[in-house]
């Protein structure tokens, strides 16, 4: 809901600062912007995780095709694409990512999608570690040309119904 926007932006800013400390040039520009999160909310693609009435995590779950992946995957195969995952500073190292990845798999089954795609910056070692932990397969590299640091690594998990 749009009423959650300030909490979403707050978590985005926290994640941006953590990435900067880690030396990762991701989320250091304007993207993902307030406008991007508003679009996610309006398209019903924004999800929040709540603990005791507090938003503790954000993610975007998209059912539309991600055109940037066109050289790496068959876009005619229906999939879920995950973008903009972040967790509130106060909930780091508490296993929250497990709930997100379980949620993504459940949603894939609900929407009858056999693939989940997720991409990340090649230097985002924390996300790369999570993707390995949750058994996502590396597909290849591509570029989001609208970003200052465009190179991304694409991963996929196959979900069996």
N, C-alpha and C. Protein backbone atom coordinates (compact mmCIF):
# COMPACT_ATOMS: atom_id res chain seq x y z
N UNK A 1 0.84 -1.19 0.00
CA UNK A 1 0.00 0.00 0.00
C UNK A 1 0.88 1.25 0.00
N UNK A 2 0.39 2.28 -0.59
CA UNK A 2 1.16 3.52 -0.63
C UNK A 2 1.47 4.06 0.76
N UNK A 3 0.64 3.71 1.73
CA UNK A 3 0.90 4.17 3.10
C UNK A 3 2.18 3.54 3.68
N UNK A 4 2.67 2.47 3.05
CA UNK A 4 3.91 1.81 3.49
C UNK A 4 5.15 2.40 2.83
N UNK A 5 4.98 3.35 1.92
CA UNK A 5 6.08 3.83 1.10
C UNK A 5 7.26 4.36 1.92
N UNK A 6 7.01 5.13 2.95
CA UNK A 6 8.13 5.70 3.73
C UNK A 6 8.94 4.61 4.42
N UNK A 7 8.26 3.57 4.94
CA UNK A 7 8.98 2.45 5.55
C UNK A 7 9.79 1.70 4.51
N UNK A 8 9.23 1.54 3.32
CA UNK A 8 9.93 0.87 2.22
C UNK A 8 11.18 1.65 1.84
N UNK A 9 11.04 2.96 1.70
CA UNK A 9 12.18 3.81 1.34
C UNK A 9 13.24 3.78 2.44
N UNK A 10 12.83 3.75 3.68
CA UNK A 10 13.77 3.67 4.79
C UNK A 10 14.61 2.39 4.70
N UNK A 11 13.97 1.26 4.44
CA UNK A 11 14.70 0.00 4.31
C UNK A 11 15.60 0.04 3.08
N UNK A 12 15.15 0.65 2.01
CA UNK A 12 15.98 0.80 0.81
C UNK A 12 17.24 1.59 1.14
N UNK A 13 17.10 2.67 1.89
CA UNK A 13 18.25 3.49 2.26
C UNK A 13 19.21 2.74 3.17
N UNK A 14 18.68 1.98 4.11
CA UNK A 14 19.53 1.16 4.97
C UNK A 14 20.35 0.17 4.14
N UNK A 15 19.68 -0.50 3.20
CA UNK A 15 20.36 -1.48 2.35
C UNK A 15 21.42 -0.80 1.49
N UNK A 16 21.10 0.38 0.98
CA UNK A 16 22.07 1.13 0.17
C UNK A 16 23.34 1.43 0.97
N UNK A 17 23.17 1.84 2.20
CA UNK A 17 24.33 2.14 3.05
C UNK A 17 25.16 0.89 3.33
N UNK A 18 24.48 -0.24 3.57
CA UNK A 18 25.21 -1.49 3.82
C UNK A 18 25.99 -1.92 2.58
N UNK A 19 25.38 -1.79 1.42
CA UNK A 19 26.07 -2.15 0.18
C UNK A 19 27.30 -1.27 -0.03
N UNK A 20 27.16 0.00 0.27
CA UNK A 20 28.29 0.93 0.12
C UNK A 20 29.44 0.51 1.04
N UNK A 21 29.13 0.18 2.29
CA UNK A 21 30.15 -0.28 3.24
C UNK A 21 30.83 -1.55 2.71
N UNK A 22 30.06 -2.41 2.06
CA UNK A 22 30.61 -3.65 1.50
C UNK A 22 31.38 -3.42 0.20
N UNK A 23 31.38 -2.18 -0.29
CA UNK A 23 32.09 -1.88 -1.53
C UNK A 23 31.34 -2.30 -2.78
N UNK A 24 30.02 -2.44 -2.66
CA UNK A 24 29.19 -2.87 -3.79
C UNK A 24 28.50 -1.66 -4.40
N UNK A 25 28.72 -1.48 -5.70
CA UNK A 25 28.13 -0.35 -6.42
C UNK A 25 26.73 -0.72 -6.91
N UNK A 26 25.87 -1.06 -5.98
CA UNK A 26 24.48 -1.40 -6.27
C UNK A 26 23.62 -0.56 -5.34
N UNK A 27 22.54 -0.01 -5.85
CA UNK A 27 21.64 0.85 -5.10
C UNK A 27 22.34 2.12 -4.63
N UNK A 28 23.39 2.53 -5.32
CA UNK A 28 24.12 3.74 -4.93
C UNK A 28 23.65 4.97 -5.70
N UNK A 29 22.92 4.76 -6.77
CA UNK A 29 22.36 5.87 -7.53
C UNK A 29 20.92 6.10 -7.11
N UNK A 30 20.13 6.59 -8.04
CA UNK A 30 18.73 6.87 -7.71
C UNK A 30 17.86 5.62 -7.75
N UNK A 31 18.32 4.58 -8.42
CA UNK A 31 17.53 3.35 -8.51
C UNK A 31 17.95 2.36 -7.44
N UNK A 32 17.01 1.66 -6.85
CA UNK A 32 15.58 1.80 -7.09
C UNK A 32 15.04 3.08 -6.44
N UNK A 33 14.29 3.80 -7.21
CA UNK A 33 13.79 5.11 -6.79
C UNK A 33 12.41 4.99 -6.13
N UNK A 34 12.00 6.08 -5.53
CA UNK A 34 10.66 6.18 -4.95
C UNK A 34 9.62 5.85 -6.04
N UNK A 35 9.85 6.37 -7.24
CA UNK A 35 8.94 6.12 -8.36
C UNK A 35 8.85 4.62 -8.67
N UNK A 36 9.99 3.92 -8.61
CA UNK A 36 10.01 2.48 -8.86
C UNK A 36 9.18 1.74 -7.82
N UNK A 37 9.32 2.12 -6.56
CA UNK A 37 8.55 1.46 -5.51
C UNK A 37 7.06 1.78 -5.63
N UNK A 38 6.73 3.00 -6.01
CA UNK A 38 5.32 3.35 -6.23
C UNK A 38 4.74 2.49 -7.35
N UNK A 39 5.51 2.33 -8.42
CA UNK A 39 5.06 1.48 -9.53
C UNK A 39 4.86 0.04 -9.06
N UNK A 40 5.80 -0.47 -8.26
CA UNK A 40 5.65 -1.82 -7.71
C UNK A 40 4.35 -1.95 -6.92
N UNK A 41 4.07 -0.97 -6.09
CA UNK A 41 2.85 -0.99 -5.27
C UNK A 41 1.62 -0.94 -6.17
N UNK A 42 1.61 -0.03 -7.12
CA UNK A 42 0.46 0.10 -8.02
C UNK A 42 0.23 -1.16 -8.85
N UNK A 43 1.32 -1.84 -9.22
CA UNK A 43 1.21 -3.07 -10.01
C UNK A 43 0.98 -4.32 -9.15
N UNK A 44 0.84 -4.10 -7.84
CA UNK A 44 0.66 -5.19 -6.89
C UNK A 44 1.83 -6.18 -6.94
N UNK A 45 3.04 -5.65 -7.12
CA UNK A 45 4.26 -6.46 -7.15
C UNK A 45 5.13 -6.23 -5.92
N UNK A 46 4.75 -5.28 -5.07
CA UNK A 46 5.52 -4.98 -3.86
C UNK A 46 5.00 -5.84 -2.71
N UNK A 47 5.94 -6.45 -2.01
CA UNK A 47 5.60 -7.27 -0.86
C UNK A 47 6.40 -6.77 0.33
N UNK A 48 5.79 -6.82 1.49
CA UNK A 48 6.49 -6.44 2.71
C UNK A 48 6.37 -7.59 3.71
N UNK A 49 7.38 -7.70 4.54
CA UNK A 49 7.36 -8.65 5.64
C UNK A 49 7.18 -7.84 6.90
N UNK A 50 6.28 -8.29 7.76
CA UNK A 50 5.92 -7.51 8.95
C UNK A 50 6.17 -8.34 10.20
N UNK A 51 6.70 -7.68 11.22
CA UNK A 51 6.86 -8.27 12.54
C UNK A 51 6.35 -7.25 13.55
N UNK A 52 5.34 -7.62 14.31
CA UNK A 52 4.76 -6.75 15.33
C UNK A 52 4.43 -5.36 14.77
N UNK A 53 3.70 -5.33 13.68
CA UNK A 53 3.24 -4.09 13.03
C UNK A 53 4.36 -3.24 12.43
N UNK A 54 5.55 -3.81 12.30
CA UNK A 54 6.68 -3.07 11.72
C UNK A 54 7.13 -3.76 10.43
N UNK A 55 7.32 -2.98 9.38
CA UNK A 55 7.83 -3.54 8.13
C UNK A 55 9.32 -3.83 8.32
N UNK A 56 9.67 -5.11 8.15
CA UNK A 56 11.05 -5.52 8.38
C UNK A 56 11.75 -6.00 7.11
N UNK A 57 10.99 -6.15 6.03
CA UNK A 57 11.59 -6.59 4.78
C UNK A 57 10.75 -6.17 3.60
N UNK A 58 11.42 -6.02 2.46
CA UNK A 58 10.73 -5.64 1.23
C UNK A 58 11.24 -6.52 0.09
N UNK A 59 10.37 -6.74 -0.88
CA UNK A 59 10.75 -7.45 -2.10
C UNK A 59 9.70 -7.16 -3.16
N UNK A 60 10.13 -7.24 -4.41
CA UNK A 60 9.20 -7.12 -5.53
C UNK A 60 9.15 -8.46 -6.25
N UNK A 61 7.95 -8.95 -6.44
CA UNK A 61 7.73 -10.22 -7.11
C UNK A 61 6.96 -9.92 -8.39
N UNK A 62 7.61 -10.13 -9.52
CA UNK A 62 7.04 -9.72 -10.81
C UNK A 62 6.66 -10.93 -11.65
N UNK A 63 5.49 -10.89 -12.23
CA UNK A 63 5.04 -11.95 -13.12
C UNK A 63 5.29 -11.61 -14.58
N UNK A 64 5.58 -10.36 -14.86
CA UNK A 64 5.83 -9.95 -16.24
C UNK A 64 7.23 -10.38 -16.66
N UNK A 65 7.44 -10.44 -17.96
CA UNK A 65 8.73 -10.85 -18.51
C UNK A 65 9.77 -9.77 -18.26
N UNK A 66 10.96 -10.17 -17.89
CA UNK A 66 12.07 -9.24 -17.71
C UNK A 66 12.87 -9.23 -19.01
N UNK A 67 12.61 -8.21 -19.82
CA UNK A 67 13.21 -8.13 -21.16
C UNK A 67 14.74 -8.13 -21.12
N UNK A 68 15.33 -7.65 -20.05
CA UNK A 68 16.80 -7.61 -19.96
C UNK A 68 17.41 -9.01 -19.97
N UNK A 69 16.62 -10.03 -19.70
CA UNK A 69 17.12 -11.40 -19.66
C UNK A 69 17.06 -12.09 -21.02
N UNK A 70 16.60 -11.41 -22.06
CA UNK A 70 16.27 -12.04 -23.34
C UNK A 70 17.40 -12.86 -23.97
N UNK A 71 18.65 -12.50 -23.77
CA UNK A 71 19.76 -13.26 -24.34
C UNK A 71 20.10 -14.51 -23.52
N UNK A 72 19.56 -14.62 -22.32
CA UNK A 72 19.94 -15.71 -21.42
C UNK A 72 18.87 -16.77 -21.22
N UNK A 73 17.61 -16.38 -21.35
CA UNK A 73 16.52 -17.32 -21.09
C UNK A 73 15.42 -17.16 -22.13
N UNK A 74 14.60 -18.16 -22.24
CA UNK A 74 13.44 -18.12 -23.13
C UNK A 74 12.33 -17.36 -22.42
N UNK A 75 12.03 -16.17 -22.88
CA UNK A 75 11.04 -15.34 -22.21
C UNK A 75 9.61 -15.85 -22.40
N UNK A 76 9.42 -16.84 -23.26
CA UNK A 76 8.09 -17.43 -23.43
C UNK A 76 7.75 -18.40 -22.30
N UNK A 77 8.76 -18.81 -21.54
CA UNK A 77 8.51 -19.67 -20.39
C UNK A 77 8.08 -18.78 -19.23
N UNK A 78 6.92 -19.07 -18.68
CA UNK A 78 6.40 -18.25 -17.59
C UNK A 78 7.26 -18.44 -16.34
N UNK A 79 7.58 -17.32 -15.72
CA UNK A 79 8.45 -17.34 -14.54
C UNK A 79 8.06 -16.21 -13.59
N UNK A 80 8.59 -16.29 -12.40
CA UNK A 80 8.51 -15.20 -11.43
C UNK A 80 9.89 -14.57 -11.40
N UNK A 81 9.93 -13.25 -11.37
CA UNK A 81 11.20 -12.54 -11.24
C UNK A 81 11.17 -11.75 -9.94
N UNK A 82 12.24 -11.90 -9.17
CA UNK A 82 12.36 -11.22 -7.89
C UNK A 82 13.32 -10.05 -8.03
N UNK A 83 12.90 -8.90 -7.55
CA UNK A 83 13.74 -7.70 -7.55
C UNK A 83 13.65 -7.03 -6.18
N UNK A 84 14.59 -6.16 -5.90
CA UNK A 84 14.54 -5.21 -4.78
C UNK A 84 14.27 -5.86 -3.42
N UNK A 85 15.08 -6.84 -3.08
CA UNK A 85 14.96 -7.49 -1.77
C UNK A 85 15.83 -6.74 -0.77
N UNK A 86 15.28 -6.44 0.37
CA UNK A 86 16.06 -5.80 1.44
C UNK A 86 15.41 -6.07 2.78
N UNK A 87 16.23 -6.05 3.80
CA UNK A 87 15.77 -6.31 5.17
C UNK A 87 16.19 -5.15 6.06
N UNK A 88 15.34 -4.81 7.00
CA UNK A 88 15.59 -3.74 7.97
C UNK A 88 16.85 -4.05 8.77
N UNK A 89 17.64 -3.03 9.06
CA UNK A 89 18.88 -3.20 9.83
C UNK A 89 18.69 -3.99 11.11
N UNK A 90 17.59 -3.75 11.82
CA UNK A 90 17.37 -4.39 13.12
C UNK A 90 17.09 -5.90 13.00
N UNK A 91 16.87 -6.39 11.78
CA UNK A 91 16.51 -7.79 11.58
C UNK A 91 17.56 -8.57 10.79
N UNK A 92 18.73 -7.99 10.62
CA UNK A 92 19.80 -8.70 9.94
C UNK A 92 20.29 -9.86 10.79
N UNK A 93 20.76 -10.89 10.14
CA UNK A 93 21.33 -12.07 10.80
C UNK A 93 20.33 -12.78 11.72
N UNK A 94 19.05 -12.66 11.37
CA UNK A 94 18.01 -13.35 12.16
C UNK A 94 17.27 -14.38 11.31
N UNK A 95 17.84 -14.73 10.17
CA UNK A 95 17.24 -15.76 9.34
C UNK A 95 16.04 -15.31 8.53
N UNK A 96 15.84 -14.02 8.38
CA UNK A 96 14.67 -13.50 7.67
C UNK A 96 14.69 -13.90 6.20
N UNK A 97 15.87 -13.98 5.60
CA UNK A 97 15.95 -14.31 4.17
C UNK A 97 15.31 -15.67 3.89
N UNK A 98 15.39 -16.58 4.84
CA UNK A 98 14.78 -17.91 4.67
C UNK A 98 13.28 -17.77 4.36
N UNK A 99 12.62 -16.88 5.09
CA UNK A 99 11.18 -16.70 4.89
C UNK A 99 10.88 -16.12 3.51
N UNK A 100 11.73 -15.19 3.05
CA UNK A 100 11.53 -14.65 1.71
C UNK A 100 11.65 -15.75 0.66
N UNK A 101 12.72 -16.53 0.73
CA UNK A 101 12.94 -17.54 -0.30
C UNK A 101 11.88 -18.63 -0.26
N UNK A 102 11.39 -18.99 0.92
CA UNK A 102 10.26 -19.93 1.02
C UNK A 102 9.00 -19.32 0.40
N UNK A 103 8.78 -18.04 0.66
CA UNK A 103 7.62 -17.32 0.11
C UNK A 103 7.68 -17.31 -1.42
N UNK A 104 8.86 -17.02 -1.98
CA UNK A 104 9.00 -16.98 -3.44
C UNK A 104 8.63 -18.34 -4.05
N UNK A 105 9.08 -19.42 -3.43
CA UNK A 105 8.77 -20.74 -3.95
C UNK A 105 7.27 -21.04 -3.86
N UNK A 106 6.64 -20.66 -2.76
CA UNK A 106 5.19 -20.86 -2.62
C UNK A 106 4.43 -20.06 -3.68
N UNK A 107 4.88 -18.83 -3.92
CA UNK A 107 4.21 -18.00 -4.92
C UNK A 107 4.38 -18.59 -6.32
N UNK A 108 5.56 -19.15 -6.60
CA UNK A 108 5.77 -19.79 -7.90
C UNK A 108 4.76 -20.91 -8.10
N UNK A 109 4.52 -21.69 -7.06
CA UNK A 109 3.54 -22.77 -7.16
C UNK A 109 2.12 -22.24 -7.31
N UNK A 110 1.79 -21.21 -6.55
CA UNK A 110 0.45 -20.61 -6.63
C UNK A 110 0.18 -20.08 -8.04
N UNK A 111 1.18 -19.40 -8.62
CA UNK A 111 1.03 -18.82 -9.95
C UNK A 111 1.39 -19.80 -11.07
N UNK A 112 1.69 -21.03 -10.68
CA UNK A 112 2.02 -22.10 -11.64
C UNK A 112 3.18 -21.71 -12.55
N UNK A 113 4.23 -21.23 -11.91
CA UNK A 113 5.46 -20.87 -12.61
C UNK A 113 6.55 -21.84 -12.17
N UNK A 114 7.26 -22.42 -13.14
CA UNK A 114 8.29 -23.40 -12.81
C UNK A 114 9.66 -22.79 -12.58
N UNK A 115 9.79 -21.50 -12.85
CA UNK A 115 11.10 -20.87 -12.69
C UNK A 115 10.98 -19.59 -11.87
N UNK A 116 12.00 -19.38 -11.05
CA UNK A 116 12.16 -18.12 -10.34
C UNK A 116 13.48 -17.53 -10.80
N UNK A 117 13.45 -16.29 -11.26
CA UNK A 117 14.67 -15.59 -11.66
C UNK A 117 14.99 -14.51 -10.64
N UNK A 118 16.26 -14.33 -10.43
CA UNK A 118 16.71 -13.24 -9.57
C UNK A 118 18.10 -12.83 -10.07
N UNK A 119 18.34 -11.53 -10.09
CA UNK A 119 19.66 -11.07 -10.51
C UNK A 119 20.27 -10.20 -9.43
N UNK A 120 21.58 -10.07 -9.49
CA UNK A 120 22.28 -9.24 -8.53
C UNK A 120 23.58 -8.73 -9.14
N UNK A 121 24.12 -7.72 -8.50
CA UNK A 121 25.42 -7.16 -8.87
C UNK A 121 26.48 -8.24 -8.67
N UNK A 122 27.46 -8.33 -9.57
CA UNK A 122 28.48 -9.38 -9.44
C UNK A 122 29.34 -9.28 -8.18
N UNK A 123 29.35 -8.13 -7.52
CA UNK A 123 30.13 -7.97 -6.28
C UNK A 123 29.28 -8.05 -5.01
N UNK A 124 27.99 -8.31 -5.15
CA UNK A 124 27.11 -8.39 -3.99
C UNK A 124 27.27 -9.78 -3.36
N UNK A 125 28.36 -9.94 -2.63
CA UNK A 125 28.73 -11.24 -2.09
C UNK A 125 27.71 -11.79 -1.10
N UNK A 126 26.99 -10.92 -0.42
CA UNK A 126 25.97 -11.41 0.52
C UNK A 126 24.81 -12.06 -0.23
N UNK A 127 24.32 -11.39 -1.28
CA UNK A 127 23.24 -11.98 -2.07
C UNK A 127 23.73 -13.21 -2.82
N UNK A 128 24.94 -13.17 -3.35
CA UNK A 128 25.48 -14.34 -4.04
C UNK A 128 25.53 -15.54 -3.10
N UNK A 129 25.88 -15.30 -1.86
CA UNK A 129 25.92 -16.37 -0.86
C UNK A 129 24.52 -16.93 -0.59
N UNK A 130 23.53 -16.05 -0.49
CA UNK A 130 22.15 -16.50 -0.28
C UNK A 130 21.65 -17.32 -1.47
N UNK A 131 21.98 -16.88 -2.66
CA UNK A 131 21.52 -17.60 -3.85
C UNK A 131 22.13 -19.00 -3.90
N UNK A 132 23.36 -19.11 -3.50
CA UNK A 132 24.00 -20.43 -3.42
C UNK A 132 23.31 -21.27 -2.33
N UNK A 133 23.10 -20.68 -1.18
CA UNK A 133 22.47 -21.38 -0.06
C UNK A 133 21.10 -21.93 -0.43
N UNK A 134 20.32 -21.14 -1.20
CA UNK A 134 18.98 -21.56 -1.57
C UNK A 134 18.93 -22.24 -2.94
N UNK A 135 20.08 -22.67 -3.42
CA UNK A 135 20.22 -23.53 -4.60
C UNK A 135 19.73 -22.92 -5.90
N UNK A 136 20.04 -21.64 -6.09
CA UNK A 136 19.77 -21.00 -7.37
C UNK A 136 20.97 -21.24 -8.29
N UNK A 137 20.69 -21.51 -9.55
CA UNK A 137 21.74 -21.80 -10.52
C UNK A 137 22.12 -20.53 -11.28
N UNK A 138 23.41 -20.34 -11.46
CA UNK A 138 23.91 -19.22 -12.26
C UNK A 138 23.57 -19.46 -13.72
N UNK A 139 22.98 -18.46 -14.37
CA UNK A 139 22.60 -18.57 -15.77
C UNK A 139 23.59 -17.81 -16.66
N UNK A 140 23.96 -16.61 -16.26
CA UNK A 140 24.87 -15.81 -17.07
C UNK A 140 24.83 -14.36 -16.64
N UNK A 141 25.56 -13.54 -17.38
CA UNK A 141 25.62 -12.10 -17.08
C UNK A 141 24.93 -11.31 -18.18
N UNK A 142 24.38 -10.18 -17.78
CA UNK A 142 23.71 -9.26 -18.70
C UNK A 142 23.88 -7.86 -18.14
N UNK A 143 23.32 -6.88 -18.83
CA UNK A 143 23.42 -5.50 -18.35
C UNK A 143 22.04 -4.84 -18.30
N UNK A 144 21.83 -4.11 -17.22
CA UNK A 144 20.72 -3.17 -17.12
C UNK A 144 21.31 -1.82 -17.53
N UNK A 145 21.15 -1.45 -18.76
CA UNK A 145 21.84 -0.29 -19.31
C UNK A 145 21.44 1.04 -18.68
N UNK A 146 20.34 1.10 -17.98
CA UNK A 146 19.90 2.34 -17.35
C UNK A 146 20.59 2.60 -16.01
N UNK A 147 21.40 1.65 -15.54
CA UNK A 147 22.07 1.80 -14.25
C UNK A 147 23.51 2.25 -14.43
N UNK A 148 24.05 3.00 -13.46
CA UNK A 148 25.44 3.45 -13.55
C UNK A 148 26.44 2.29 -13.56
N UNK A 149 26.12 1.25 -12.84
CA UNK A 149 26.94 0.03 -12.80
C UNK A 149 26.06 -1.10 -13.33
N UNK A 150 26.01 -1.29 -14.66
CA UNK A 150 24.96 -2.10 -15.27
C UNK A 150 25.10 -3.62 -15.20
N UNK A 151 26.30 -4.14 -15.00
CA UNK A 151 26.50 -5.59 -15.06
C UNK A 151 25.78 -6.31 -13.92
N UNK A 152 25.06 -7.37 -14.28
CA UNK A 152 24.34 -8.17 -13.30
C UNK A 152 24.53 -9.65 -13.63
N UNK A 153 24.39 -10.46 -12.60
CA UNK A 153 24.42 -11.91 -12.75
C UNK A 153 23.01 -12.43 -12.54
N UNK A 154 22.56 -13.28 -13.46
CA UNK A 154 21.22 -13.85 -13.40
C UNK A 154 21.28 -15.28 -12.85
N UNK A 155 20.35 -15.56 -11.94
CA UNK A 155 20.22 -16.88 -11.34
C UNK A 155 18.80 -17.38 -11.51
N UNK A 156 18.65 -18.70 -11.47
CA UNK A 156 17.33 -19.30 -11.64
C UNK A 156 17.20 -20.50 -10.70
N UNK A 157 15.98 -20.68 -10.23
CA UNK A 157 15.64 -21.90 -9.50
C UNK A 157 14.43 -22.51 -10.17
N UNK A 158 14.48 -23.81 -10.40
CA UNK A 158 13.36 -24.53 -10.97
C UNK A 158 12.51 -25.07 -9.83
N UNK A 159 11.22 -24.82 -9.93
CA UNK A 159 10.25 -25.23 -8.91
C UNK A 159 9.37 -26.31 -9.52
N UNK A 160 9.30 -27.44 -8.86
CA UNK A 160 8.45 -28.51 -9.32
C UNK A 160 7.12 -28.44 -8.57
N UNK A 161 6.04 -28.50 -9.30
CA UNK A 161 4.70 -28.39 -8.68
C UNK A 161 4.40 -29.58 -7.81
